[in-house]
PDB file of N, CA and C in Angstrom:
ATOM      1  N   MET A   1       0.697  -1.001  -0.086  1.00  0.00           N
ATOM      2  CA  MET A   1      -0.256  -0.120  -0.166  1.00  0.00           C
ATOM      3  C   MET A   1       0.967   1.083  -0.126  1.00  0.00           C
ATOM      4  N   GLY A   2       0.511   2.316  -1.172  1.00  0.00           N
ATOM      5  CA  GLY A   2       1.186   3.553  -0.809  1.00  0.00           C
ATOM      6  C   GLY A   2       1.288   4.224   0.037  1.00  0.00           C
ATOM      7  N   ARG A   3       2.189   4.945   0.487  1.00  0.00           N
ATOM      8  CA  ARG A   3       1.761   5.959   1.708  1.00  0.00           C
ATOM      9  C   ARG A   3       1.089   7.510   0.778  1.00  0.00           C
ATOM     10  N   THR A   4       0.234   8.093   1.343  1.00  0.00           N
ATOM     11  CA  THR A   4      -0.569   8.928   1.028  1.00  0.00           C
ATOM     12  C   THR A   4       0.030  10.111   1.343  1.00  0.00           C
ATOM     13  N   ILE A   5       0.653  11.127   0.768  1.00  0.00           N
ATOM     14  CA  ILE A   5       1.266  12.415   0.535  1.00  0.00           C
ATOM     15  C   ILE A   5       0.209  13.399   1.113  1.00  0.00           C
ATOM     16  N   MET A   6      -0.259  14.538   2.544  1.00  0.00           N
ATOM     17  CA  MET A   6      -0.850  15.266   2.535  1.00  0.00           C
ATOM     18  C   MET A   6      -0.356  16.650   1.982  1.00  0.00           C
ATOM     19  N   PRO A   7      -1.256  17.372   1.552  1.00  0.00           N
ATOM     20  CA  PRO A   7      -0.466  19.040   1.134  1.00  0.00           C
ATOM     21  C   PRO A   7       0.054  19.619   2.068  1.00  0.00           C
ATOM     22  N   PRO A   8       1.197  20.513   2.204  1.00  0.00           N
ATOM     23  CA  PRO A   8       2.031  20.757   3.242  1.00  0.00           C
ATOM     24  C   PRO A   8       0.952  21.620   4.178  1.00  0.00           C
ATOM     25  N   CYS A   9      -0.537  22.638   3.591  1.00  0.00           N
ATOM     26  CA  CYS A   9      -0.986  23.130   4.476  1.00  0.00           C
ATOM     27  C   CYS A   9      -1.870  22.074   5.398  1.00  0.00           C
ATOM     28  N   TYR A  10      -1.792  20.808   5.114  1.00  0.00           N
ATOM     29  CA  TYR A  10      -2.426  20.068   6.315  1.00  0.00           C
ATOM     30  C   TYR A  10      -1.754  19.395   7.147  1.00  0.00           C
ATOM     31  N   ILE A  11      -0.473  19.290   7.000  1.00  0.00           N
ATOM     32  CA  ILE A  11       0.320  18.596   7.846  1.00  0.00           C
ATOM     33  C   ILE A  11       0.982  19.659   9.110  1.00  0.00           C
ATOM     34  N   SER A  12       1.282  20.640   9.165  1.00  0.00           N
ATOM     35  CA  SER A  12       1.421  21.522  10.523  1.00  0.00           C
ATOM     36  C   SER A  12       0.695  22.971  10.513  1.00  0.00           C
ATOM     37  N   SER A  13      -0.494  23.228   9.792  1.00  0.00           N
ATOM     38  CA  SER A  13      -0.931  24.034  10.180  1.00  0.00           C
ATOM     39  C   SER A  13      -2.329  23.716  10.782  1.00  0.00           C
ATOM     40  N   MET A  14      -3.095  22.544  10.700  1.00  0.00           N
ATOM     41  CA  MET A  14      -4.426  22.468  11.291  1.00  0.00           C
ATOM     42  C   MET A  14      -4.400  21.875  12.392  1.00  0.00           C
ATOM     43  N   ARG A  15      -5.342  22.317  13.163  1.00  0.00           N
ATOM     44  CA  ARG A  15      -5.111  22.049  14.573  1.00  0.00           C
ATOM     45  C   ARG A  15      -6.830  21.362  14.601  1.00  0.00           C
ATOM     46  N   ARG A  16      -6.591  20.386  15.717  1.00  0.00           N
ATOM     47  CA  ARG A  16      -8.086  19.435  16.187  1.00  0.00           C
ATOM     48  C   ARG A  16      -9.084  20.222  16.878  1.00  0.00           C
ATOM     49  N   LEU A  17     -10.172  19.942  16.609  1.00  0.00           N
ATOM     50  CA  LEU A  17     -11.130  20.626  17.333  1.00  0.00           C
ATOM     51  C   LEU A  17     -12.295  19.877  17.679  1.00  0.00           C
ATOM     52  N   GLN A  18     -12.981  19.451  18.756  1.00  0.00           N
ATOM     53  CA  GLN A  18     -13.964  18.736  18.592  1.00  0.00           C
ATOM     54  C   GLN A  18     -15.018  19.566  19.345  1.00  0.00           C
ATOM     55  N   VAL A  19     -16.495  18.994  18.616  1.00  0.00           N
ATOM     56  CA  VAL A  19     -17.567  20.327  18.507  1.00  0.00           C
ATOM     57  C   VAL A  19     -18.660  19.376  18.674  1.00  0.00           C
ATOM     58  N   GLN A  20     -19.652  19.501  19.905  1.00  0.00           N
ATOM     59  CA  GLN A  20     -20.885  18.729  19.737  1.00  0.00           C
ATOM     60  C   GLN A  20     -21.708  19.432  19.130  1.00  0.00           C
ATOM     61  N   LEU A  21     -22.877  18.723  18.588  1.00  0.00           N
ATOM     62  CA  LEU A  21     -23.817  19.389  18.102  1.00  0.00           C
ATOM     63  C   LEU A  21     -25.047  18.784  18.202  1.00  0.00           C
ATOM     64  N   GLU A  22     -26.371  19.728  18.018  1.00  0.00           N
ATOM     65  CA  GLU A  22     -27.645  18.837  18.532  1.00  0.00           C
ATOM     66  C   GLU A  22     -28.044  18.026  17.235  1.00  0.00           C
ATOM     67  N   GLU A  23     -28.708  17.398  17.255  1.00  0.00           N
ATOM     68  CA  GLU A  23     -29.155  16.265  16.549  1.00  0.00           C
ATOM     69  C   GLU A  23     -29.602  17.117  14.739  1.00  0.00           C
ATOM     70  N   PRO A  24     -30.342  17.819  15.258  1.00  0.00           N
ATOM     71  CA  PRO A  24     -30.790  18.827  13.995  1.00  0.00           C
ATOM     72  C   PRO A  24     -29.853  19.513  12.925  1.00  0.00           C
ATOM     73  N   LEU A  25     -28.746  19.965  13.681  1.00  0.00           N
ATOM     74  CA  LEU A  25     -28.026  21.076  13.087  1.00  0.00           C
ATOM     75  C   LEU A  25     -26.729  19.909  12.545  1.00  0.00           C
ATOM     76  N   TYR A  26     -26.509  18.798  13.292  1.00  0.00           N
ATOM     77  CA  TYR A  26     -25.519  17.767  12.937  1.00  0.00           C
ATOM     78  C   TYR A  26     -26.472  17.155  11.732  1.00  0.00           C
ATOM     79  N   GLU A  27     -27.580  16.695  11.218  1.00  0.00           N
ATOM     80  CA  GLU A  27     -28.372  16.333  10.307  1.00  0.00           C
ATOM     81  C   GLU A  27     -28.165  17.476   9.173  1.00  0.00           C
ATOM     82  N   ALA A  28     -28.662  18.820   9.244  1.00  0.00           N
ATOM     83  CA  ALA A  28     -27.918  19.665   7.974  1.00  0.00           C
ATOM     84  C   ALA A  28     -26.948  20.017   7.821  1.00  0.00           C
ATOM     85  N   LEU A  29     -25.763  19.706   8.734  1.00  0.00           N
ATOM     86  CA  LEU A  29     -24.535  19.732   8.291  1.00  0.00           C
ATOM     87  C   LEU A  29     -23.899  18.505   7.398  1.00  0.00           C
ATOM     88  N   ARG A  30     -24.731  17.084   7.898  1.00  0.00           N
ATOM     89  CA  ARG A  30     -24.215  16.047   7.104  1.00  0.00           C
ATOM     90  C   ARG A  30     -24.824  16.072   5.540  1.00  0.00           C
ATOM     91  N   LEU A  31     -26.275  16.871   5.541  1.00  0.00           N
ATOM     92  CA  LEU A  31     -26.611  16.644   4.267  1.00  0.00           C
ATOM     93  C   LEU A  31     -26.063  18.012   3.501  1.00  0.00           C
ATOM     94  N   ARG A  32     -25.638  19.168   3.827  1.00  0.00           N
ATOM     95  CA  ARG A  32     -25.031  20.023   3.030  1.00  0.00           C
ATOM     96  C   ARG A  32     -23.567  19.192   2.497  1.00  0.00           C
ATOM     97  N   ALA A  33     -22.949  18.927   3.565  1.00  0.00           N
ATOM     98  CA  ALA A  33     -21.629  17.882   3.340  1.00  0.00           C
ATOM     99  C   ALA A  33     -22.122  16.954   2.206  1.00  0.00           C
ATOM    100  N   PHE A  34     -23.111  16.201   2.181  1.00  0.00           N
ATOM    101  CA  PHE A  34     -23.246  15.350   1.332  1.00  0.00           C
ATOM    102  C   PHE A  34     -24.149  15.772  -0.029  1.00  0.00           C
ATOM    103  N   GLU A  35     -24.700  16.920  -0.002  1.00  0.00           N
ATOM    104  CA  GLU A  35     -24.765  17.615  -1.116  1.00  0.00           C
ATOM    105  C   GLU A  35     -23.518  17.992  -2.084  1.00  0.00           C
ATOM    106  N   GLY A  36     -22.951  18.523  -1.244  1.00  0.00           N
ATOM    107  CA  GLY A  36     -21.735  19.269  -1.853  1.00  0.00           C
ATOM    108  C   GLY A  36     -20.628  18.213  -2.266  1.00  0.00           C
ATOM    109  N   ARG A  37     -20.673  17.007  -1.594  1.00  0.00           N
ATOM    110  CA  ARG A  37     -19.847  16.264  -2.402  1.00  0.00           C
ATOM    111  C   ARG A  37     -18.560  16.169  -1.399  1.00  0.00           C
ATOM    112  N   VAL A  38     -18.463  16.706   0.087  1.00  0.00           N
ATOM    113  CA  VAL A  38     -17.214  17.323   0.836  1.00  0.00           C
ATOM    114  C   VAL A  38     -17.549  16.825   2.082  1.00  0.00           C
ATOM    115  N   SER A  39     -16.304  17.061   2.922  1.00  0.00           N
ATOM    116  CA  SER A  39     -16.479  16.258   3.848  1.00  0.00           C
ATOM    117  C   SER A  39     -17.438  17.151   5.125  1.00  0.00           C
ATOM    118  N   MET A  40     -17.438  16.645   5.757  1.00  0.00           N
ATOM    119  CA  MET A  40     -18.121  17.980   7.215  1.00  0.00           C
ATOM    120  C   MET A  40     -17.343  18.322   7.689  1.00  0.00           C
ATOM    121  N   ALA A  41     -16.352  18.267   8.072  1.00  0.00           N
ATOM    122  CA  ALA A  41     -15.406  19.068   8.188  1.00  0.00           C
ATOM    123  C   ALA A  41     -15.043  20.076   7.233  1.00  0.00           C
ATOM    124  N   SER A  42     -14.774  19.541   6.114  1.00  0.00           N
ATOM    125  CA  SER A  42     -14.756  20.976   5.045  1.00  0.00           C
ATOM    126  C   SER A  42     -15.835  22.065   5.276  1.00  0.00           C
ATOM    127  N   VAL A  43     -17.222  21.363   5.708  1.00  0.00           N
ATOM    128  CA  VAL A  43     -18.656  22.843   5.397  1.00  0.00           C
ATOM    129  C   VAL A  43     -18.180  23.449   6.675  1.00  0.00           C
ATOM    130  N   VAL A  44     -17.937  22.588   7.915  1.00  0.00           N
ATOM    131  CA  VAL A  44     -17.303  23.442   9.046  1.00  0.00           C
ATOM    132  C   VAL A  44     -16.245  24.601   8.927  1.00  0.00           C
ATOM    133  N   ARG A  45     -15.062  24.214   8.442  1.00  0.00           N
ATOM    134  CA  ARG A  45     -14.427  25.299   8.304  1.00  0.00           C
ATOM    135  C   ARG A  45     -14.728  26.162   7.156  1.00  0.00           C
ATOM    136  N   SER A  46     -15.253  25.576   6.167  1.00  0.00           N
ATOM    137  CA  SER A  46     -16.210  26.867   5.264  1.00  0.00           C
ATOM    138  C   SER A  46     -16.935  27.985   6.228  1.00  0.00           C
ATOM    139  N   ALA A  47     -17.785  27.607   6.783  1.00  0.00           N
ATOM    140  CA  ALA A  47     -18.841  28.431   7.672  1.00  0.00           C
ATOM    141  C   ALA A  47     -18.031  29.105   8.715  1.00  0.00           C
ATOM    142  N   ILE A  48     -17.104  28.538   9.350  1.00  0.00           N
ATOM    143  CA  ILE A  48     -16.411  29.470  10.263  1.00  0.00           C
ATOM    144  C   ILE A  48     -15.456  30.238   9.710  1.00  0.00           C
ATOM    145  N   GLU A  49     -14.976  29.874   8.297  1.00  0.00           N
ATOM    146  CA  GLU A  49     -13.976  31.115   7.473  1.00  0.00           C
ATOM    147  C   GLU A  49     -15.143  32.296   6.792  1.00  0.00           C
ATOM    148  N   GLN A  50     -16.048  31.685   6.568  1.00  0.00           N
ATOM    149  CA  GLN A  50     -17.089  32.850   6.247  1.00  0.00           C
ATOM    150  C   GLN A  50     -17.397  33.644   7.101  1.00  0.00           C
ATOM    151  N   THR A  51     -17.937  33.478   8.425  1.00  0.00           N
ATOM    152  CA  THR A  51     -18.329  33.849   9.691  1.00  0.00           C
ATOM    153  C   THR A  51     -17.042  35.034  10.265  1.00  0.00           C
ATOM    154  N   LEU A  52     -15.995  34.368   9.907  1.00  0.00           N
ATOM    155  CA  LEU A  52     -14.981  35.238  10.327  1.00  0.00           C
ATOM    156  C   LEU A  52     -14.607  36.153   9.272  1.00  0.00           C
ATOM    157  N   LYS A  53     -14.534  36.096   8.534  1.00  0.00           N
ATOM    158  CA  LYS A  53     -14.489  37.180   7.530  1.00  0.00           C
ATOM    159  C   LYS A  53     -15.652  38.434   7.619  1.00  0.00           C
ATOM    160  N   THR A  54     -16.960  37.768   7.738  1.00  0.00           N
ATOM    161  CA  THR A  54     -17.824  38.735   7.697  1.00  0.00           C
ATOM    162  C   THR A  54     -17.395  39.451   9.348  1.00  0.00           C
ATOM    163  N   ALA A  55     -17.029  38.874   9.797  1.00  0.00           N
ATOM    164  CA  ALA A  55     -17.002  39.875  11.572  1.00  0.00           C
ATOM    165  C   ALA A  55     -15.681  41.129  11.067  1.00  0.00           C
ATOM    166  N   ASP A  56     -14.946  40.619  10.317  1.00  0.00           N
ATOM    167  CA  ASP A  56     -13.995  41.390  10.083  1.00  0.00           C
ATOM    168  C   ASP A  56     -14.278  42.899  10.053  1.00  0.00           C
ATOM    169  N   GLY A  57     -15.389  43.149   9.500  1.00  0.00           N
ATOM    170  CA  GLY A  57     -15.720  44.431   9.116  1.00  0.00           C
ATOM    171  C   GLY A  57     -15.823  45.433  10.027  1.00  0.00           C
ATOM    172  N   PRO A  58     -15.880  46.683   9.243  1.00  0.00           N
ATOM    173  CA  PRO A  58     -15.506  47.812  10.229  1.00  0.00           C
ATOM    174  C   PRO A  58     -16.512  47.868  11.767  1.00  0.00           C
ATOM    175  N   ARG A  59     -16.003  48.049  12.791  1.00  0.00           N
ATOM    176  CA  ARG A  59     -16.330  48.499  14.300  1.00  0.00           C
ATOM    177  C   ARG A  59     -17.304  49.308  14.453  1.00  0.00           C
ATOM    178  N   LEU A  60     -18.508  48.944  14.904  1.00  0.00           N
ATOM    179  CA  LEU A  60     -19.413  49.708  14.956  1.00  0.00           C
ATOM    180  C   LEU A  60     -19.535  50.402  16.800  1.00  0.00           C
ATOM    181  N   ASP A  61     -19.882  51.640  16.519  1.00  0.00           N
ATOM    182  CA  ASP A  61     -20.086  52.012  18.389  1.00  0.00           C
ATOM    183  C   ASP A  61     -21.522  52.831  18.430  1.00  0.00           C
ATOM    184  N   LEU A  62     -21.478  53.090  19.514  1.00  0.00           N
ATOM    185  CA  LEU A  62     -22.789  53.593  20.035  1.00  0.00           C
ATOM    186  C   LEU A  62     -23.514  54.849  19.221  1.00  0.00           C
ATOM    187  N   ALA A  63     -22.785  55.859  18.531  1.00  0.00           N
ATOM    188  CA  ALA A  63     -23.286  56.492  17.854  1.00  0.00           C
ATOM    189  C   ALA A  63     -24.015  56.156  16.232  1.00  0.00           C
ATOM    190  N   ASP A  64     -23.519  54.374  15.804  1.00  0.00           N
ATOM    191  CA  ASP A  64     -24.312  54.071  14.907  1.00  0.00           C
ATOM    192  C   ASP A  64     -25.675  53.386  15.460  1.00  0.00           C
ATOM    193  N   PHE A  65     -26.186  53.531  16.235  1.00  0.00           N
ATOM    194  CA  PHE A  65     -27.369  53.008  16.624  1.00  0.00           C
ATOM    195  C   PHE A  65     -28.225  54.116  17.461  1.00  0.00           C
ATOM    196  N   PRO A  66     -28.418  55.246  16.693  1.00  0.00           N
ATOM    197  CA  PRO A  66     -28.907  56.287  17.409  1.00  0.00           C
ATOM    198  C   PRO A  66     -30.711  56.220  18.070  1.00  0.00           C
ATOM    199  N   PHE A  67     -31.263  54.830  17.750  1.00  0.00           N
ATOM    200  CA  PHE A  67     -32.258  54.461  18.283  1.00  0.00           C
ATOM    201  C   PHE A  67     -32.600  54.179  19.546  1.00  0.00           C
ATOM    202  N   ILE A  68     -30.923  53.520  20.315  1.00  0.00           N
ATOM    203  CA  ILE A  68     -31.049  53.295  21.606  1.00  0.00           C
ATOM    204  C   ILE A  68     -31.574  54.303  22.367  1.00  0.00           C
ATOM    205  N   GLY A  69     -32.482  54.280  23.628  1.00  0.00           N
ATOM    206  CA  GLY A  69     -32.892  55.146  24.649  1.00  0.00           C
ATOM    207  C   GLY A  69     -33.889  55.958  23.448  1.00  0.00           C
ATOM    208  N   ALA A  70     -34.690  55.409  22.301  1.00  0.00           N
ATOM    209  CA  ALA A  70     -35.482  56.206  21.834  1.00  0.00           C
ATOM    210  C   ALA A  70     -37.025  56.042  22.484  1.00  0.00           C
ATOM    211  N   GLY A  71     -36.826  54.977  23.223  1.00  0.00           N
ATOM    212  CA  GLY A  71     -38.048  54.812  24.026  1.00  0.00           C
ATOM    213  C   GLY A  71     -38.095  55.513  25.450  1.00  0.00           C
ATOM    214  N   ALA A  72     -37.364  55.653  26.025  1.00  0.00           N
ATOM    215  CA  ALA A  72     -37.453  56.589  27.210  1.00  0.00           C
ATOM    216  C   ALA A  72     -38.413  57.468  26.939  1.00  0.00           C
ATOM    217  N   GLY A  73     -39.211  57.296  28.370  1.00  0.00           N
ATOM    218  CA  GLY A  73     -40.313  57.824  28.644  1.00  0.00           C
ATOM    219  C   GLY A  73     -40.322  58.878  29.457  1.00  0.00           C
ATOM    220  N   GLU A  74     -41.098  59.628  29.887  1.00  0.00           N
ATOM    221  CA  GLU A  74     -41.203  60.532  30.911  1.00  0.00           C
ATOM    222  C   GLU A  74     -40.877  59.985  32.470  1.00  0.00           C
ATOM    223  N   GLY A  75     -41.552  59.046  32.593  1.00  0.00           N
ATOM    224  CA  GLY A  75     -42.157  58.201  33.871  1.00  0.00           C
ATOM    225  C   GLY A  75     -43.078  58.927  34.283  1.00  0.00           C
ATOM    226  N   GLY A  76     -43.612  60.009  33.958  1.00  0.00           N
ATOM    227  CA  GLY A  76     -44.457  60.449  35.054  1.00  0.00           C
ATOM    228  C   GLY A  76     -45.738  59.630  35.179  1.00  0.00           C
ATOM    229  N   GLU A  77     -46.926  60.154  36.125  1.00  0.00           N
ATOM    230  CA  GLU A  77     -48.201  59.249  36.037  1.00  0.00           C
ATOM    231  C   GLU A  77     -48.801  58.728  35.124  1.00  0.00           C
ATOM    232  N   GLY A  78     -49.096  57.718  34.983  1.00  0.00           N
ATOM    233  CA  GLY A  78     -49.797  57.013  34.003  1.00  0.00           C
ATOM    234  C   GLY A  78     -48.471  56.976  32.858  1.00  0.00           C
ATOM    235  N   SER A  79     -47.588  56.825  32.299  1.00  0.00           N
ATOM    236  CA  SER A  79     -47.068  56.240  31.653  1.00  0.00           C
ATOM    237  C   SER A  79     -46.653  54.416  31.686  1.00  0.00           C
ATOM    238  N   ARG A  80     -47.048  54.374  30.479  1.00  0.00           N
ATOM    239  CA  ARG A  80     -47.051  52.930  30.470  1.00  0.00           C
ATOM    240  C   ARG A  80     -46.103  52.342  28.942  1.00  0.00           C
ATOM    241  N   VAL A  81     -44.483  53.014  29.276  1.00  0.00           N
ATOM    242  CA  VAL A  81     -43.721  53.005  28.188  1.00  0.00           C
ATOM    243  C   VAL A  81     -43.046  51.386  28.483  1.00  0.00           C
ATOM    244  N   SER A  82     -43.348  50.892  29.724  1.00  0.00           N
ATOM    245  CA  SER A  82     -43.035  49.592  30.224  1.00  0.00           C
ATOM    246  C   SER A  82     -43.779  48.784  29.286  1.00  0.00           C
ATOM    247  N   VAL A  83     -45.175  49.137  29.578  1.00  0.00           N
ATOM    248  CA  VAL A  83     -46.011  47.986  28.513  1.00  0.00           C
ATOM    249  C   VAL A  83     -46.407  48.183  27.531  1.00  0.00           C
ATOM    250  N   GLU A  84     -46.231  49.739  26.549  1.00  0.00           N
ATOM    251  CA  GLU A  84     -45.937  49.581  25.179  1.00  0.00           C
ATOM    252  C   GLU A  84     -44.586  50.084  24.783  1.00  0.00           C
ATOM    253  N   HIS A  85     -44.034  49.550  25.049  1.00  0.00           N
ATOM    254  CA  HIS A  85     -42.588  49.774  24.480  1.00  0.00           C
ATOM    255  C   HIS A  85     -42.242  49.838  23.175  1.00  0.00           C
ATOM    256  N   ASP A  86     -42.854  48.728  22.453  1.00  0.00           N
ATOM    257  CA  ASP A  86     -42.547  48.925  21.093  1.00  0.00           C
ATOM    258  C   ASP A  86     -43.374  50.009  20.606  1.00  0.00           C
ATOM    259  N   ARG A  87     -44.713  50.130  20.928  1.00  0.00           N
ATOM    260  CA  ARG A  87     -45.091  51.695  20.260  1.00  0.00           C
ATOM    261  C   ARG A  87     -44.253  52.835  20.860  1.00  0.00           C
ATOM    262  N   ALA A  88     -43.915  52.997  21.982  1.00  0.00           N
ATOM    263  CA  ALA A  88     -42.649  54.149  22.440  1.00  0.00           C
ATOM    264  C   ALA A  88     -41.902  54.390  21.356  1.00  0.00           C
ATOM    265  N   ILE A  89     -41.081  53.193  21.237  1.00  0.00           N
ATOM    266  CA  ILE A  89     -40.116  53.396  20.220  1.00  0.00           C
ATOM    267  C   ILE A  89     -40.257  53.408  18.649  1.00  0.00           C
ATOM    268  N   ALA A  90     -41.243  52.906  18.069  1.00  0.00           N
ATOM    269  CA  ALA A  90     -41.668  53.280  17.030  1.00  0.00           C
ATOM    270  C   ALA A  90     -42.144  54.838  17.202  1.00  0.00           C
ATOM    271  N   ASP A  91     -42.517  55.158  17.820  1.00  0.00           N
ATOM    272  CA  ASP A  91     -42.780  56.880  17.893  1.00  0.00           C
ATOM    273  C   ASP A  91     -41.863  58.267  17.899  1.00  0.00           C
ATOM    274  N   ALA A  92     -40.784  56.864  18.971  1.00  0.00           N
ATOM    275  CA  ALA A  92     -39.578  57.794  18.719  1.00  0.00           C
ATOM    276  C   ALA A  92     -38.823  57.557  17.719  1.00  0.00           C
ATOM    277  N   ILE A  93     -39.145  56.545  17.036  1.00  0.00           N
ATOM    278  CA  ILE A  93     -37.717  56.445  15.616  1.00  0.00           C
ATOM    279  C   ILE A  93     -38.856  57.447  14.863  1.00  0.00           C
ATOM    280  N   GLN A  94     -39.866  57.457  14.796  1.00  0.00           N
ATOM    281  CA  GLN A  94     -40.732  58.139  13.345  1.00  0.00           C
ATOM    282  C   GLN A  94     -40.453  59.362  13.525  1.00  0.00           C
ATOM    283  N   ALA A  95     -40.353  59.957  14.776  1.00  0.00           N
ATOM    284  CA  ALA A  95     -40.207  61.445  15.075  1.00  0.00           C
ATOM    285  C   ALA A  95     -38.828  62.042  14.555  1.00  0.00           C
ATOM    286  N   ARG A  96     -37.790  60.908  14.818  1.00  0.00           N
ATOM    287  CA  ARG A  96     -37.136  61.414  14.372  1.00  0.00           C
ATOM    288  C   ARG A  96     -36.511  61.967  13.090  1.00  0.00           C
ATOM    289  N   PHE A  97     -37.149  60.906  11.966  1.00  0.00           N
ATOM    290  CA  PHE A  97     -36.960  61.236  10.760  1.00  0.00           C
ATOM    291  C   PHE A  97     -38.324  62.025  10.290  1.00  0.00           C
ATOM    292  N   ARG A  98     -38.898  62.995  10.773  1.00  0.00           N
ATOM    293  CA  ARG A  98     -39.767  63.439  10.445  1.00  0.00           C
ATOM    294  C   ARG A  98     -39.355  65.061  10.121  1.00  0.00           C
TER     295      ARG A  98
END
């Protein structure tokens, strides 16, 4: 039997990782690998790589989220912001664009 020669990138740069998945996620992964005719490990590596590339985008700060605090009410008697917070936030956001 001949010895299999692995490409250099698989010899020293790969690290083993064990991950436990819930059954539905495992089955979805298995199906994706089967459909793509690749290993499950390859699908996982591609997904992680894609996720990390996306995460390297520009950093956001509080100024990028002007709607935070938009639902802050006056808190006076009869204030229902805690009960109707969705409506209060929507009204506050709409008021900023008028």
